[in-house]
Amino acid sequence: MTLPLPAGAEQRERAKTVLAEMGLSDAHNVFPERLSLGMQRRVALARAFALEPDLLLMDEPFVSLDEATAERLRDLLADLIARRPTTVLFVTHDSREAVRLADRVVVLGGPPVRIERDVRVELSAENRRRADDVDRFRGELLQAG
């Protein structure tokens, strides 16, 4: 976990803090191949946020996870972004995931690739955690196209 960070006690503490936020305090000495896929994805999120980036690029980070694990990771990501404000460019084919996590949804089409729609997601953090509110907004988004 500390590999992307400069050496030092402060950076080790930062890594431990982010691991704790991801629910991985007990796994800090576990080799990566011993972690479940969900835990590996949480470590990847922790590693990214430990660097305190201005911009974070994420390309389908929850693909190939079962829905329950993916939903827990979406919640963790939303909580991390709320605690550690960062601009995230998030690529997904899952419109529910886009509505759940995004301030804006930019829908691409093509070829050639072009922006088909650019929609602000005006749901509160509380509403984003309600599947029916997300589905309602998603339905409106899909109908608009």
N, C-alpha and C. Protein backbone atom coordinates (compact mmCIF):
# COMPACT_ATOMS: atom_id res chain seq x y z
N MET A 1 0.81 -1.20 0.00
CA MET A 1 0.00 0.00 0.00
C MET A 1 0.86 1.26 0.00
N THR A 2 2.02 1.23 0.65
CA THR A 2 2.83 2.44 0.74
C THR A 2 3.73 2.63 -0.48
N LEU A 3 3.74 1.71 -1.42
CA LEU A 3 4.63 1.83 -2.57
C LEU A 3 4.48 3.13 -3.35
N PRO A 4 3.26 3.64 -3.59
CA PRO A 4 3.18 4.86 -4.38
C PRO A 4 3.52 6.12 -3.59
N LEU A 5 3.75 6.00 -2.29
CA LEU A 5 4.00 7.17 -1.45
C LEU A 5 5.49 7.35 -1.19
N PRO A 6 5.92 8.59 -0.99
CA PRO A 6 7.31 8.81 -0.58
C PRO A 6 7.55 8.14 0.78
N ALA A 7 8.79 7.80 1.06
CA ALA A 7 9.13 7.16 2.33
C ALA A 7 8.91 8.13 3.48
N GLY A 8 8.55 7.60 4.64
CA GLY A 8 8.42 8.43 5.82
C GLY A 8 7.24 8.03 6.69
N ALA A 9 7.33 8.40 7.96
CA ALA A 9 6.31 8.03 8.93
C ALA A 9 4.96 8.68 8.60
N GLU A 10 4.98 9.93 8.15
CA GLU A 10 3.72 10.62 7.83
C GLU A 10 2.98 9.90 6.70
N GLN A 11 3.71 9.45 5.70
CA GLN A 11 3.10 8.76 4.57
C GLN A 11 2.56 7.39 4.99
N ARG A 12 3.28 6.70 5.89
CA ARG A 12 2.79 5.41 6.41
C ARG A 12 1.48 5.60 7.17
N GLU A 13 1.41 6.68 7.95
CA GLU A 13 0.17 6.98 8.69
C GLU A 13 -0.96 7.30 7.73
N ARG A 14 -0.66 8.05 6.66
CA ARG A 14 -1.68 8.36 5.66
C ARG A 14 -2.21 7.07 5.03
N ALA A 15 -1.30 6.15 4.70
CA ALA A 15 -1.71 4.87 4.11
C ALA A 15 -2.59 4.09 5.09
N LYS A 16 -2.20 4.05 6.36
CA LYS A 16 -2.99 3.33 7.37
C LYS A 16 -4.37 3.96 7.53
N THR A 17 -4.43 5.29 7.49
CA THR A 17 -5.71 5.98 7.63
C THR A 17 -6.65 5.63 6.49
N VAL A 18 -6.13 5.67 5.26
CA VAL A 18 -6.98 5.37 4.11
C VAL A 18 -7.38 3.89 4.12
N LEU A 19 -6.47 3.00 4.51
CA LEU A 19 -6.84 1.58 4.62
C LEU A 19 -7.95 1.40 5.65
N ALA A 20 -7.87 2.11 6.76
CA ALA A 20 -8.92 2.03 7.78
C ALA A 20 -10.25 2.54 7.23
N GLU A 21 -10.22 3.63 6.47
CA GLU A 21 -11.44 4.16 5.87
C GLU A 21 -12.08 3.15 4.92
N MET A 22 -11.27 2.30 4.32
CA MET A 22 -11.76 1.30 3.39
C MET A 22 -12.09 -0.02 4.09
N GLY A 23 -11.95 -0.06 5.42
CA GLY A 23 -12.25 -1.29 6.16
C GLY A 23 -11.20 -2.36 5.99
N LEU A 24 -9.96 -1.95 5.78
CA LEU A 24 -8.87 -2.89 5.50
C LEU A 24 -7.75 -2.84 6.53
N SER A 25 -8.02 -2.33 7.70
CA SER A 25 -6.96 -2.20 8.72
C SER A 25 -6.29 -3.54 9.02
N ASP A 26 -7.08 -4.59 9.08
CA ASP A 26 -6.53 -5.90 9.43
C ASP A 26 -5.79 -6.57 8.28
N ALA A 27 -5.89 -6.02 7.09
CA ALA A 27 -5.30 -6.66 5.92
C ALA A 27 -4.04 -5.96 5.44
N HIS A 28 -3.47 -5.05 6.23
CA HIS A 28 -2.33 -4.27 5.73
C HIS A 28 -1.09 -5.10 5.46
N ASN A 29 -0.97 -6.29 6.04
CA ASN A 29 0.19 -7.13 5.80
C ASN A 29 -0.11 -8.33 4.91
N VAL A 30 -1.28 -8.37 4.33
CA VAL A 30 -1.68 -9.50 3.49
C VAL A 30 -1.16 -9.29 2.07
N PHE A 31 -0.60 -10.35 1.48
CA PHE A 31 -0.12 -10.27 0.10
C PHE A 31 -1.32 -10.12 -0.83
N PRO A 32 -1.16 -9.32 -1.90
CA PRO A 32 -2.28 -9.03 -2.81
C PRO A 32 -3.01 -10.26 -3.33
N GLU A 33 -2.27 -11.33 -3.66
CA GLU A 33 -2.91 -12.51 -4.21
C GLU A 33 -3.78 -13.26 -3.19
N ARG A 34 -3.65 -12.90 -1.93
CA ARG A 34 -4.46 -13.51 -0.87
C ARG A 34 -5.76 -12.75 -0.63
N LEU A 35 -5.92 -11.60 -1.25
CA LEU A 35 -7.11 -10.77 -1.07
C LEU A 35 -8.19 -11.18 -2.06
N SER A 36 -9.44 -11.08 -1.64
CA SER A 36 -10.55 -11.29 -2.56
C SER A 36 -10.54 -10.18 -3.60
N LEU A 37 -11.28 -10.38 -4.69
CA LEU A 37 -11.35 -9.35 -5.73
C LEU A 37 -11.91 -8.05 -5.17
N GLY A 38 -12.93 -8.12 -4.33
CA GLY A 38 -13.50 -6.92 -3.71
C GLY A 38 -12.48 -6.20 -2.85
N MET A 39 -11.70 -6.97 -2.08
CA MET A 39 -10.67 -6.35 -1.25
C MET A 39 -9.57 -5.72 -2.12
N GLN A 40 -9.23 -6.39 -3.22
CA GLN A 40 -8.23 -5.82 -4.13
C GLN A 40 -8.70 -4.48 -4.69
N ARG A 41 -9.99 -4.38 -5.01
CA ARG A 41 -10.53 -3.13 -5.52
C ARG A 41 -10.53 -2.05 -4.44
N ARG A 42 -10.80 -2.44 -3.19
CA ARG A 42 -10.74 -1.46 -2.09
C ARG A 42 -9.32 -0.97 -1.89
N VAL A 43 -8.34 -1.87 -2.00
CA VAL A 43 -6.93 -1.46 -1.90
C VAL A 43 -6.59 -0.49 -3.02
N ALA A 44 -7.07 -0.76 -4.22
CA ALA A 44 -6.80 0.14 -5.35
C ALA A 44 -7.38 1.53 -5.08
N LEU A 45 -8.60 1.59 -4.53
CA LEU A 45 -9.18 2.89 -4.17
C LEU A 45 -8.36 3.57 -3.08
N ALA A 46 -7.96 2.80 -2.07
CA ALA A 46 -7.16 3.37 -0.98
C ALA A 46 -5.85 3.92 -1.52
N ARG A 47 -5.20 3.17 -2.39
CA ARG A 47 -3.92 3.60 -2.97
C ARG A 47 -4.11 4.90 -3.75
N ALA A 48 -5.18 4.97 -4.53
CA ALA A 48 -5.42 6.18 -5.32
C ALA A 48 -5.67 7.39 -4.43
N PHE A 49 -6.49 7.22 -3.40
CA PHE A 49 -6.82 8.37 -2.54
C PHE A 49 -5.69 8.72 -1.59
N ALA A 50 -4.82 7.78 -1.27
CA ALA A 50 -3.67 8.08 -0.40
C ALA A 50 -2.75 9.09 -1.06
N LEU A 51 -2.74 9.11 -2.39
CA LEU A 51 -1.90 10.07 -3.12
C LEU A 51 -2.48 11.47 -3.12
N GLU A 52 -3.73 11.62 -2.66
CA GLU A 52 -4.43 12.90 -2.62
C GLU A 52 -4.39 13.58 -3.99
N PRO A 53 -4.90 12.90 -5.01
CA PRO A 53 -4.83 13.46 -6.36
C PRO A 53 -5.80 14.61 -6.57
N ASP A 54 -5.47 15.50 -7.48
CA ASP A 54 -6.40 16.54 -7.91
C ASP A 54 -7.43 15.95 -8.87
N LEU A 55 -6.99 14.97 -9.66
CA LEU A 55 -7.83 14.33 -10.65
C LEU A 55 -7.60 12.83 -10.58
N LEU A 56 -8.68 12.08 -10.55
CA LEU A 56 -8.60 10.62 -10.50
C LEU A 56 -9.37 10.07 -11.69
N LEU A 57 -8.71 9.27 -12.52
CA LEU A 57 -9.34 8.64 -13.66
C LEU A 57 -9.69 7.20 -13.29
N MET A 58 -10.96 6.84 -13.46
CA MET A 58 -11.40 5.49 -13.11
C MET A 58 -12.12 4.89 -14.31
N ASP A 59 -11.65 3.74 -14.77
CA ASP A 59 -12.25 3.07 -15.92
C ASP A 59 -12.90 1.78 -15.44
N GLU A 60 -14.21 1.81 -15.29
CA GLU A 60 -15.02 0.68 -14.87
C GLU A 60 -14.40 -0.08 -13.68
N PRO A 61 -14.19 0.61 -12.56
CA PRO A 61 -13.50 -0.02 -11.43
C PRO A 61 -14.28 -1.14 -10.75
N PHE A 62 -15.59 -1.22 -10.97
CA PHE A 62 -16.39 -2.23 -10.28
C PHE A 62 -16.88 -3.34 -11.19
N VAL A 63 -16.37 -3.37 -12.42
CA VAL A 63 -16.76 -4.41 -13.36
C VAL A 63 -16.27 -5.76 -12.82
N SER A 64 -17.00 -6.80 -13.10
CA SER A 64 -16.70 -8.19 -12.72
C SER A 64 -16.89 -8.47 -11.23
N LEU A 65 -17.46 -7.53 -10.48
CA LEU A 65 -17.79 -7.78 -9.09
C LEU A 65 -19.26 -8.17 -8.99
N ASP A 66 -19.60 -8.97 -7.99
CA ASP A 66 -21.02 -9.25 -7.78
C ASP A 66 -21.70 -7.95 -7.35
N GLU A 67 -23.01 -7.86 -7.57
CA GLU A 67 -23.72 -6.60 -7.35
C GLU A 67 -23.63 -6.11 -5.91
N ALA A 68 -23.70 -7.00 -4.94
CA ALA A 68 -23.63 -6.58 -3.53
C ALA A 68 -22.26 -5.94 -3.22
N THR A 69 -21.20 -6.56 -3.70
CA THR A 69 -19.85 -6.02 -3.47
C THR A 69 -19.68 -4.71 -4.21
N ALA A 70 -20.14 -4.66 -5.46
CA ALA A 70 -20.05 -3.42 -6.24
C ALA A 70 -20.80 -2.29 -5.55
N GLU A 71 -21.97 -2.57 -5.00
CA GLU A 71 -22.75 -1.53 -4.32
C GLU A 71 -22.04 -1.03 -3.06
N ARG A 72 -21.43 -1.94 -2.32
CA ARG A 72 -20.65 -1.51 -1.13
C ARG A 72 -19.48 -0.62 -1.56
N LEU A 73 -18.83 -0.98 -2.66
CA LEU A 73 -17.71 -0.16 -3.14
C LEU A 73 -18.18 1.19 -3.67
N ARG A 74 -19.35 1.23 -4.29
CA ARG A 74 -19.90 2.52 -4.72
C ARG A 74 -20.13 3.42 -3.50
N ASP A 75 -20.69 2.83 -2.44
CA ASP A 75 -20.91 3.59 -1.21
C ASP A 75 -19.58 4.08 -0.64
N LEU A 76 -18.58 3.20 -0.60
CA LEU A 76 -17.26 3.60 -0.09
C LEU A 76 -16.66 4.72 -0.94
N LEU A 77 -16.77 4.60 -2.25
CA LEU A 77 -16.24 5.63 -3.13
C LEU A 77 -16.95 6.96 -2.90
N ALA A 78 -18.28 6.93 -2.81
CA ALA A 78 -19.04 8.17 -2.56
C ALA A 78 -18.61 8.80 -1.23
N ASP A 79 -18.43 7.97 -0.21
CA ASP A 79 -17.99 8.48 1.10
C ASP A 79 -16.58 9.06 1.03
N LEU A 80 -15.69 8.37 0.32
CA LEU A 80 -14.32 8.87 0.17
C LEU A 80 -14.30 10.22 -0.54
N ILE A 81 -15.07 10.34 -1.61
CA ILE A 81 -15.10 11.60 -2.35
C ILE A 81 -15.66 12.72 -1.47
N ALA A 82 -16.65 12.39 -0.63
CA ALA A 82 -17.23 13.40 0.27
C ALA A 82 -16.20 13.86 1.30
N ARG A 83 -15.38 12.92 1.81
CA ARG A 83 -14.38 13.26 2.83
C ARG A 83 -13.11 13.86 2.23
N ARG A 84 -12.79 13.44 1.02
CA ARG A 84 -11.55 13.85 0.36
C ARG A 84 -11.89 14.37 -1.03
N PRO A 85 -12.44 15.58 -1.11
CA PRO A 85 -12.91 16.07 -2.41
C PRO A 85 -11.84 15.97 -3.50
N THR A 86 -12.23 15.31 -4.56
CA THR A 86 -11.36 15.05 -5.69
C THR A 86 -12.21 15.06 -6.95
N THR A 87 -11.69 15.58 -8.02
CA THR A 87 -12.37 15.47 -9.30
C THR A 87 -12.14 14.07 -9.83
N VAL A 88 -13.22 13.36 -10.14
CA VAL A 88 -13.13 11.99 -10.64
C VAL A 88 -13.77 11.93 -12.01
N LEU A 89 -13.02 11.44 -12.98
CA LEU A 89 -13.57 11.13 -14.30
C LEU A 89 -13.79 9.62 -14.30
N PHE A 90 -15.05 9.24 -14.33
CA PHE A 90 -15.46 7.86 -14.10
C PHE A 90 -16.09 7.33 -15.37
N VAL A 91 -15.50 6.31 -15.97
CA VAL A 91 -16.05 5.69 -17.16
C VAL A 91 -16.81 4.45 -16.75
N THR A 92 -18.07 4.36 -17.22
CA THR A 92 -18.88 3.18 -16.92
C THR A 92 -19.91 2.99 -18.02
N HIS A 93 -20.32 1.74 -18.21
CA HIS A 93 -21.43 1.42 -19.10
C HIS A 93 -22.71 1.24 -18.30
N ASP A 94 -22.62 1.31 -16.98
CA ASP A 94 -23.74 1.09 -16.07
C ASP A 94 -24.39 2.44 -15.74
N SER A 95 -25.55 2.71 -16.33
CA SER A 95 -26.19 4.01 -16.12
C SER A 95 -26.63 4.21 -14.68
N ARG A 96 -26.97 3.14 -13.96
CA ARG A 96 -27.31 3.28 -12.54
C ARG A 96 -26.09 3.75 -11.75
N GLU A 97 -24.95 3.15 -12.06
CA GLU A 97 -23.70 3.53 -11.40
C GLU A 97 -23.37 4.99 -11.69
N ALA A 98 -23.55 5.41 -12.93
CA ALA A 98 -23.27 6.79 -13.31
C ALA A 98 -24.15 7.75 -12.52
N VAL A 99 -25.46 7.47 -12.44
CA VAL A 99 -26.38 8.35 -11.71
C VAL A 99 -26.05 8.31 -10.22
N ARG A 100 -25.70 7.15 -9.71
CA ARG A 100 -25.40 6.98 -8.28
C ARG A 100 -24.19 7.81 -7.85
N LEU A 101 -23.18 7.93 -8.73
CA LEU A 101 -21.91 8.52 -8.32
C LEU A 101 -21.60 9.89 -8.92
N ALA A 102 -22.27 10.27 -10.01
CA ALA A 102 -21.83 11.44 -10.77
C ALA A 102 -22.59 12.71 -10.44
N ASP A 103 -21.91 13.83 -10.60
CA ASP A 103 -22.56 15.14 -10.61
C ASP A 103 -23.07 15.44 -12.01
N ARG A 104 -22.35 14.92 -13.00
CA ARG A 104 -22.72 15.07 -14.41
C ARG A 104 -22.54 13.74 -15.11
N VAL A 105 -23.45 13.45 -16.03
CA VAL A 105 -23.32 12.27 -16.87
C VAL A 105 -23.15 12.76 -18.30
N VAL A 106 -22.03 12.40 -18.90
CA VAL A 106 -21.76 12.73 -20.29
C VAL A 106 -21.90 11.44 -21.08
N VAL A 107 -22.89 11.41 -21.96
CA VAL A 107 -23.17 10.22 -22.76
C VAL A 107 -22.48 10.39 -24.11
N LEU A 108 -21.66 9.39 -24.45
CA LEU A 108 -20.93 9.43 -25.71
C LEU A 108 -21.62 8.52 -26.72
N GLY A 109 -21.52 8.86 -27.98
CA GLY A 109 -22.06 8.05 -29.06
C GLY A 109 -21.11 8.11 -30.23
N GLY A 110 -21.44 7.38 -31.26
CA GLY A 110 -20.60 7.41 -32.45
C GLY A 110 -20.61 6.06 -33.11
N PRO A 111 -19.72 5.77 -34.00
CA PRO A 111 -18.57 6.55 -34.40
C PRO A 111 -18.92 7.64 -35.41
N PRO A 112 -18.10 8.61 -35.58
CA PRO A 112 -17.00 8.95 -34.67
C PRO A 112 -17.56 9.37 -33.31
N VAL A 113 -16.77 9.22 -32.29
CA VAL A 113 -17.21 9.52 -30.94
C VAL A 113 -17.57 10.99 -30.82
N ARG A 114 -18.74 11.21 -30.19
CA ARG A 114 -19.21 12.57 -29.96
C ARG A 114 -20.04 12.59 -28.68
N ILE A 115 -20.20 13.75 -28.10
CA ILE A 115 -21.04 13.89 -26.92
C ILE A 115 -22.49 13.97 -27.39
N GLU A 116 -23.30 13.03 -26.92
CA GLU A 116 -24.72 13.03 -27.25
C GLU A 116 -25.54 13.81 -26.23
N ARG A 117 -25.17 13.69 -24.96
CA ARG A 117 -25.87 14.41 -23.90
C ARG A 117 -24.89 14.71 -22.78
N ASP A 118 -25.15 15.82 -22.10
CA ASP A 118 -24.40 16.23 -20.92
C ASP A 118 -25.45 16.65 -19.90
N VAL A 119 -25.66 15.80 -18.89
CA VAL A 119 -26.78 15.99 -17.96
C VAL A 119 -26.25 16.14 -16.54
N ARG A 120 -26.71 17.18 -15.85
CA ARG A 120 -26.38 17.35 -14.43
C ARG A 120 -27.26 16.40 -13.62
N VAL A 121 -26.66 15.69 -12.68
CA VAL A 121 -27.40 14.79 -11.80
C VAL A 121 -27.72 15.59 -10.53
N GLU A 122 -28.96 15.98 -10.43
CA GLU A 122 -29.36 16.83 -9.31
C GLU A 122 -30.13 16.00 -8.28
N LEU A 123 -29.41 15.07 -7.67
CA LEU A 123 -29.93 14.25 -6.58
C LEU A 123 -29.07 14.50 -5.36
N SER A 124 -29.68 14.55 -4.20
CA SER A 124 -28.92 14.71 -2.96
C SER A 124 -28.15 13.42 -2.68
N ALA A 125 -27.17 13.51 -1.81
CA ALA A 125 -26.40 12.32 -1.42
C ALA A 125 -27.33 11.26 -0.85
N GLU A 126 -28.32 11.68 -0.10
CA GLU A 126 -29.29 10.74 0.48
C GLU A 126 -30.10 10.05 -0.61
N ASN A 127 -30.57 10.82 -1.59
CA ASN A 127 -31.37 10.25 -2.68
C ASN A 127 -30.55 9.30 -3.56
N ARG A 128 -29.26 9.57 -3.66
CA ARG A 128 -28.41 8.70 -4.48
C ARG A 128 -28.29 7.30 -3.89
N ARG A 129 -28.55 7.17 -2.61
CA ARG A 129 -28.48 5.85 -1.96
C ARG A 129 -29.81 5.10 -2.02
N ARG A 130 -30.82 5.74 -2.56
CA ARG A 130 -32.14 5.10 -2.71
C ARG A 130 -32.28 4.60 -4.14
N ALA A 131 -32.38 3.30 -4.30
CA ALA A 131 -32.46 2.69 -5.62
C ALA A 131 -33.62 3.25 -6.44
N ASP A 132 -34.77 3.50 -5.80
CA ASP A 132 -35.92 3.99 -6.57
C ASP A 132 -35.67 5.41 -7.10
N ASP A 133 -34.99 6.26 -6.33
CA ASP A 133 -34.67 7.62 -6.80
C ASP A 133 -33.66 7.56 -7.95
N VAL A 134 -32.65 6.69 -7.81
CA VAL A 134 -31.64 6.53 -8.86
C VAL A 134 -32.31 6.01 -10.13
N ASP A 135 -33.19 5.01 -9.98
CA ASP A 135 -33.86 4.43 -11.15
C ASP A 135 -34.79 5.45 -11.82
N ARG A 136 -35.45 6.28 -11.03
CA ARG A 136 -36.32 7.31 -11.61
C ARG A 136 -35.50 8.30 -12.45
N PHE A 137 -34.39 8.79 -11.89
CA PHE A 137 -33.54 9.72 -12.63
C PHE A 137 -32.95 9.03 -13.86
N ARG A 138 -32.52 7.80 -13.69
CA ARG A 138 -31.95 7.04 -14.79
C ARG A 138 -32.97 6.89 -15.92
N GLY A 139 -34.20 6.60 -15.57
CA GLY A 139 -35.24 6.47 -16.58
C GLY A 139 -35.43 7.76 -17.36
N GLU A 140 -35.40 8.89 -16.66
CA GLU A 140 -35.51 10.19 -17.33
C GLU A 140 -34.31 10.43 -18.24
N LEU A 141 -33.13 10.06 -17.77
CA LEU A 141 -31.91 10.22 -18.56
C LEU A 141 -32.00 9.39 -19.84
N LEU A 142 -32.42 8.14 -19.72
CA LEU A 142 -32.49 7.25 -20.88
C LEU A 142 -33.58 7.69 -21.86
N GLN A 143 -34.68 8.20 -21.34
CA GLN A 143 -35.78 8.66 -22.21
C GLN A 143 -35.39 9.92 -22.98
N ALA A 144 -34.53 10.73 -22.37
CA ALA A 144 -34.12 11.98 -23.01
C ALA A 144 -33.28 11.70 -24.25
N GLY A 145 -32.71 10.51 -24.35
CA GLY A 145 -31.84 10.19 -25.47
C GLY A 145 -32.61 9.61 -26.56
